[in-house]
């Protein structure tokens, strides 16, 4: 059969199957070429009943680091002992060895004691039997250890005689104000001048302090020392309460 006859048969066969009009007919050769060149994505060839699975591996979420301070506490675990076998320390500090948790609960009931976890990292974990009073005492000790330590206060010292000139007093008081602004304490010693009578040195020192242009607080107020030959006081920066009270008094004054 010639190629022309074969083409005529294919065209009429496709026409009969598709029932398309002559205007929309596609030559057989072109149709076959289109079918061969068309690429259907694999995702579209899947059955509608298939569920697509994402093969991309997801990185596991990073584990949160435990705060070491979270275990810095003393408390009873009650009767919920998560470990089957535990190392037990008695109330007096003696090592009772490894015990089954059921045996430990029995001791707790008989002696009226509570169980405190000491170390979970060891194998088996270490627990101690304590009374409620002992647990409370350990909690108080732990709180004291965890309190922030107060910063060390530096104490500056200043000494001058009662015969000091007025302009020198101003210079020294400016130095005291500078130290107080830096949160230092200042120990001021006023000694009697040569040949001068050591009379009311504490009152004189208090009057000198009152000449300062800034508000001050007292660690110790002026007092006579060295058998009456000097007077001494220790100044500190004013507290927030003192500053607030001074501000209120200034606003109420007419």
Protein backbone atom coordinates (compact mmCIF):
# COMPACT_ATOMS: atom_id res chain seq x y z
CA UNK A 1 0.00 0.00 0.00
CA UNK A 2 1.33 3.44 -0.89
CA UNK A 3 2.08 6.08 1.72
CA UNK A 4 -0.78 8.22 0.39
CA UNK A 5 -3.31 5.47 1.06
CA UNK A 6 -1.97 4.95 4.57
CA UNK A 7 -2.32 8.65 5.31
CA UNK A 8 -5.88 8.71 3.94
CA UNK A 9 -6.87 5.77 6.19
CA UNK A 10 -5.39 7.41 9.29
CA UNK A 11 -7.08 10.74 8.63
CA UNK A 12 -10.51 9.14 8.16
CA UNK A 13 -10.02 6.96 11.22
CA UNK A 14 -9.20 9.92 13.42
CA UNK A 15 -12.11 11.86 11.96
CA UNK A 16 -14.49 9.07 12.83
CA UNK A 17 -13.16 8.78 16.39
CA UNK A 18 -12.98 12.46 17.29
CA UNK A 19 -15.95 13.65 15.30
CA UNK A 20 -14.24 17.00 14.83
CA UNK A 21 -15.13 19.43 12.11
CA UNK A 22 -12.86 19.90 9.12
CA UNK A 23 -11.77 23.31 10.43
CA UNK A 24 -10.44 21.75 13.62
CA UNK A 25 -8.88 18.69 12.04
CA UNK A 26 -5.25 18.01 12.72
CA UNK A 27 -3.15 16.12 10.25
CA UNK A 28 -2.25 12.68 11.45
CA UNK A 29 1.44 13.28 11.15
CA UNK A 30 1.20 16.50 13.14
CA UNK A 31 -1.01 14.82 15.75
CA UNK A 32 1.41 11.95 16.21
CA UNK A 33 4.31 14.37 16.42
CA UNK A 34 2.48 16.40 19.08
CA UNK A 35 1.76 13.27 21.09
CA UNK A 36 5.37 12.22 20.97
CA UNK A 37 6.79 15.62 21.95
CA UNK A 38 4.37 16.46 24.75
CA UNK A 39 5.85 15.89 28.20
CA UNK A 40 3.49 15.34 31.11
CA UNK A 41 5.06 16.02 34.53
CA UNK A 42 5.35 12.99 36.76
CA UNK A 43 3.33 14.73 39.47
CA UNK A 44 0.34 14.96 37.08
CA UNK A 45 0.60 11.29 36.12
CA UNK A 46 0.10 10.22 39.71
CA UNK A 47 -3.15 8.73 40.74
CA UNK A 48 -5.50 11.14 42.56
CA UNK A 49 -5.57 8.63 45.39
CA UNK A 50 -1.83 8.85 46.01
CA UNK A 51 -0.57 11.13 48.72
CA UNK A 52 2.55 13.09 47.92
CA UNK A 53 5.32 12.66 50.45
CA UNK A 54 7.95 15.31 51.00
CA UNK A 55 11.28 13.55 51.12
CA UNK A 56 13.10 16.67 52.35
CA UNK A 57 14.68 15.96 55.71
CA UNK A 58 13.89 18.56 58.32
CA UNK A 59 16.58 19.40 60.80
CA UNK A 60 15.52 18.54 64.36
CA UNK A 61 14.73 21.49 66.57
CA UNK A 62 17.70 22.41 68.75
CA UNK A 63 17.34 21.30 72.33
CA UNK A 64 17.03 24.04 74.86
CA UNK A 65 19.90 24.21 77.25
CA UNK A 66 18.90 23.71 80.81
CA UNK A 67 19.57 26.56 83.11
CA UNK A 68 21.95 25.28 85.80
CA UNK A 69 20.20 27.54 88.28
CA UNK A 70 16.94 25.67 87.70
CA UNK A 71 18.19 22.78 89.88
CA UNK A 72 19.60 25.08 92.57
CA UNK A 73 16.74 24.35 94.94
CA UNK A 74 15.88 22.06 97.82
CA UNK A 75 12.44 20.50 97.65
CA UNK A 76 10.74 17.20 98.31
CA UNK A 77 9.88 14.94 95.36
CA UNK A 78 6.92 13.52 97.28
CA UNK A 79 6.04 9.91 96.52
CA UNK A 80 6.58 10.27 92.76
CA UNK A 81 10.02 8.69 92.45
CA UNK A 82 10.76 8.39 88.74
CA UNK A 83 13.70 6.00 89.17
CA UNK A 84 13.15 2.37 90.11
CA UNK A 85 16.48 2.02 91.92
CA UNK A 86 18.01 4.95 93.84
CA UNK A 87 20.96 5.61 96.14
CA UNK A 88 19.65 6.73 99.54
CA UNK A 89 21.34 8.95 102.14
CA UNK A 90 19.83 8.87 105.60
CA UNK A 91 18.68 11.92 107.55
CA UNK A 92 21.95 11.86 109.51
CA UNK A 93 24.08 11.64 106.34
CA UNK A 94 24.78 7.90 106.34
CA UNK A 95 24.84 6.02 103.03
CA UNK A 96 22.05 3.43 103.07
CA UNK A 97 23.03 2.05 99.67
CA UNK A 98 20.87 1.36 96.63
CA UNK A 99 17.19 0.72 97.35
CA UNK A 100 14.04 0.04 95.40
CA UNK A 101 11.67 3.01 95.41
CA UNK A 102 8.93 0.93 97.08
CA UNK A 103 11.27 0.28 100.03
CA UNK A 104 12.14 3.97 100.24
CA UNK A 105 8.48 4.99 100.31
CA UNK A 106 7.93 2.55 103.15
CA UNK A 107 10.77 4.16 105.15
CA UNK A 108 9.31 7.61 104.46
CA UNK A 109 5.92 6.55 105.79
CA UNK A 110 7.36 4.85 108.88
CA UNK A 111 9.71 7.69 109.88
CA UNK A 112 7.66 10.64 108.64
CA UNK A 113 10.44 11.85 106.36
CA UNK A 114 10.56 13.36 102.88
CA UNK A 115 12.81 12.58 99.92
CA UNK A 116 15.06 15.18 98.29
CA UNK A 117 16.97 14.71 95.02
CA UNK A 118 20.69 15.45 95.43
CA UNK A 119 22.19 14.26 92.12
CA UNK A 120 20.37 12.92 89.08
CA UNK A 121 23.56 12.50 87.02
CA UNK A 122 24.86 9.54 88.99
CA UNK A 123 23.85 5.92 88.46
CA UNK A 124 21.77 5.26 90.44
CA UNK A 125 20.57 8.78 91.28
CA UNK A 126 21.28 10.01 94.80
CA UNK A 127 18.44 11.02 97.13
CA UNK A 128 18.41 11.98 100.80
CA UNK A 129 15.79 11.52 103.46
CA UNK A 130 15.02 14.77 105.28
CA UNK A 131 12.47 16.15 107.69
CA UNK A 132 10.32 19.09 106.71
CA UNK A 133 12.24 21.31 109.15
CA UNK A 134 15.58 20.30 107.65
CA UNK A 135 14.34 21.06 104.12
CA UNK A 136 13.23 24.52 105.25
CA UNK A 137 16.64 25.20 106.83
CA UNK A 138 18.44 24.12 103.64
CA UNK A 139 16.18 26.37 101.56
CA UNK A 140 17.09 29.37 103.75
CA UNK A 141 20.81 28.60 103.42
CA UNK A 142 20.49 28.32 99.65
CA UNK A 143 18.67 31.64 99.39
CA UNK A 144 21.41 33.35 101.36
CA UNK A 145 24.05 31.94 99.00
CA UNK A 146 22.10 33.05 95.93
CA UNK A 147 21.68 36.63 97.12
CA UNK A 148 23.85 39.03 95.14
CA UNK A 149 26.79 40.26 97.13
CA UNK A 150 26.87 43.95 97.86
CA UNK A 151 29.53 45.87 96.03
CA UNK A 152 32.52 46.91 98.10
CA UNK A 153 32.28 50.55 99.13
CA UNK A 154 35.47 52.55 98.95
CA UNK A 155 36.09 54.91 101.85
CA UNK A 156 38.05 58.07 101.15
CA UNK A 157 39.72 59.99 103.98
CA UNK A 158 40.23 63.70 104.50
CA UNK A 159 41.94 65.39 107.46
CA UNK A 160 42.41 69.09 108.21
CA UNK A 161 42.86 71.29 111.26
CA UNK A 162 40.39 73.64 112.86
CA UNK A 163 42.58 76.60 111.86
CA UNK A 164 42.14 75.96 108.12
CA UNK A 165 41.45 78.98 105.93
CA UNK A 166 37.96 79.39 104.43
CA UNK A 167 39.09 79.07 100.81
CA UNK A 168 40.92 75.83 101.69
CA UNK A 169 37.72 74.48 103.24
CA UNK A 170 35.90 75.20 99.98
CA UNK A 171 38.52 73.28 98.01
CA UNK A 172 38.32 70.28 100.32
CA UNK A 173 34.53 70.26 100.33
CA UNK A 174 34.54 70.24 96.53
CA UNK A 175 36.74 67.17 96.70
CA UNK A 176 34.30 65.52 99.11
CA UNK A 177 31.39 66.24 96.77
CA UNK A 178 33.31 64.69 93.90
CA UNK A 179 33.89 61.50 95.91
CA UNK A 180 30.24 61.30 96.95
CA UNK A 181 29.11 61.62 93.33
CA UNK A 182 31.24 58.53 92.59
CA UNK A 183 29.33 56.65 95.34
CA UNK A 184 32.27 56.61 97.74
CA UNK A 185 32.05 57.12 101.48
CA UNK A 186 34.18 59.89 102.98
CA UNK A 187 35.72 59.94 106.45
CA UNK A 188 36.44 63.50 107.57
CA UNK A 189 38.65 64.19 110.56
CA UNK A 190 38.91 67.66 112.08
CA UNK A 191 41.80 68.00 114.51
CA UNK A 192 42.54 70.88 116.81
CA UNK A 193 45.10 73.39 115.57
CA UNK A 194 48.44 73.91 117.20
CA UNK A 195 48.05 75.85 120.37
CA UNK A 196 44.32 76.04 119.82
CA UNK A 197 41.77 74.89 122.34
CA UNK A 198 40.01 71.64 121.42
CA UNK A 199 36.51 72.91 122.18
CA UNK A 200 33.31 71.79 120.41
CA UNK A 201 35.17 70.21 117.52
CA UNK A 202 32.15 67.99 116.73
CA UNK A 203 29.91 71.06 116.41
CA UNK A 204 32.50 72.81 114.22
CA UNK A 205 32.76 69.76 111.96
CA UNK A 206 28.99 69.58 111.58
CA UNK A 207 28.87 73.24 110.58
CA UNK A 208 31.55 72.61 107.95
CA UNK A 209 29.58 69.72 106.49
CA UNK A 210 26.47 71.92 106.31
CA UNK A 211 28.37 74.27 103.99
CA UNK A 212 28.33 71.62 101.25
CA UNK A 213 26.08 72.41 98.29
CA UNK A 214 24.89 68.82 97.87
CA UNK A 215 22.79 66.70 100.16
CA UNK A 216 24.70 64.07 102.09
CA UNK A 217 23.88 61.19 104.37
CA UNK A 218 25.72 60.10 107.48
CA UNK A 219 27.21 56.71 108.21
CA UNK A 220 28.30 58.21 111.51
CA UNK A 221 27.60 61.75 112.67
CA UNK A 222 30.32 64.08 113.95
CA UNK A 223 31.69 62.91 117.29
CA UNK A 224 34.70 63.69 119.42
CA UNK A 225 37.62 61.23 119.20
CA UNK A 226 41.27 61.02 120.35
CA UNK A 227 40.46 62.15 123.87
CA UNK A 228 38.78 65.32 122.63
CA UNK A 229 41.62 66.39 120.37
CA UNK A 230 39.72 65.69 117.15
CA UNK A 231 36.26 65.12 115.70
CA UNK A 232 35.31 62.60 113.04
CA UNK A 233 32.34 61.74 110.83
CA UNK A 234 31.68 59.47 107.85
CA UNK A 235 29.59 60.76 104.95
CA UNK A 236 27.75 58.77 102.29
CA UNK A 237 25.63 59.59 99.22
CA UNK A 238 21.98 60.23 100.14
CA UNK A 239 19.51 57.41 99.67
CA UNK A 240 16.56 57.57 97.28
CA UNK A 241 14.21 57.89 100.23
CA UNK A 242 16.14 60.85 101.64
CA UNK A 243 16.16 62.59 98.27
CA UNK A 244 12.42 62.03 97.90
CA UNK A 245 11.67 63.43 101.35
CA UNK A 246 13.81 66.48 100.68
CA UNK A 247 12.01 67.09 97.39
CA UNK A 248 8.63 66.86 99.10
CA UNK A 249 9.68 69.29 101.82
CA UNK A 250 10.92 71.79 99.23
CA UNK A 251 7.62 71.67 97.31
CA UNK A 252 5.52 72.19 100.47
CA UNK A 253 7.52 75.19 101.64
CA UNK A 254 5.80 78.55 100.85
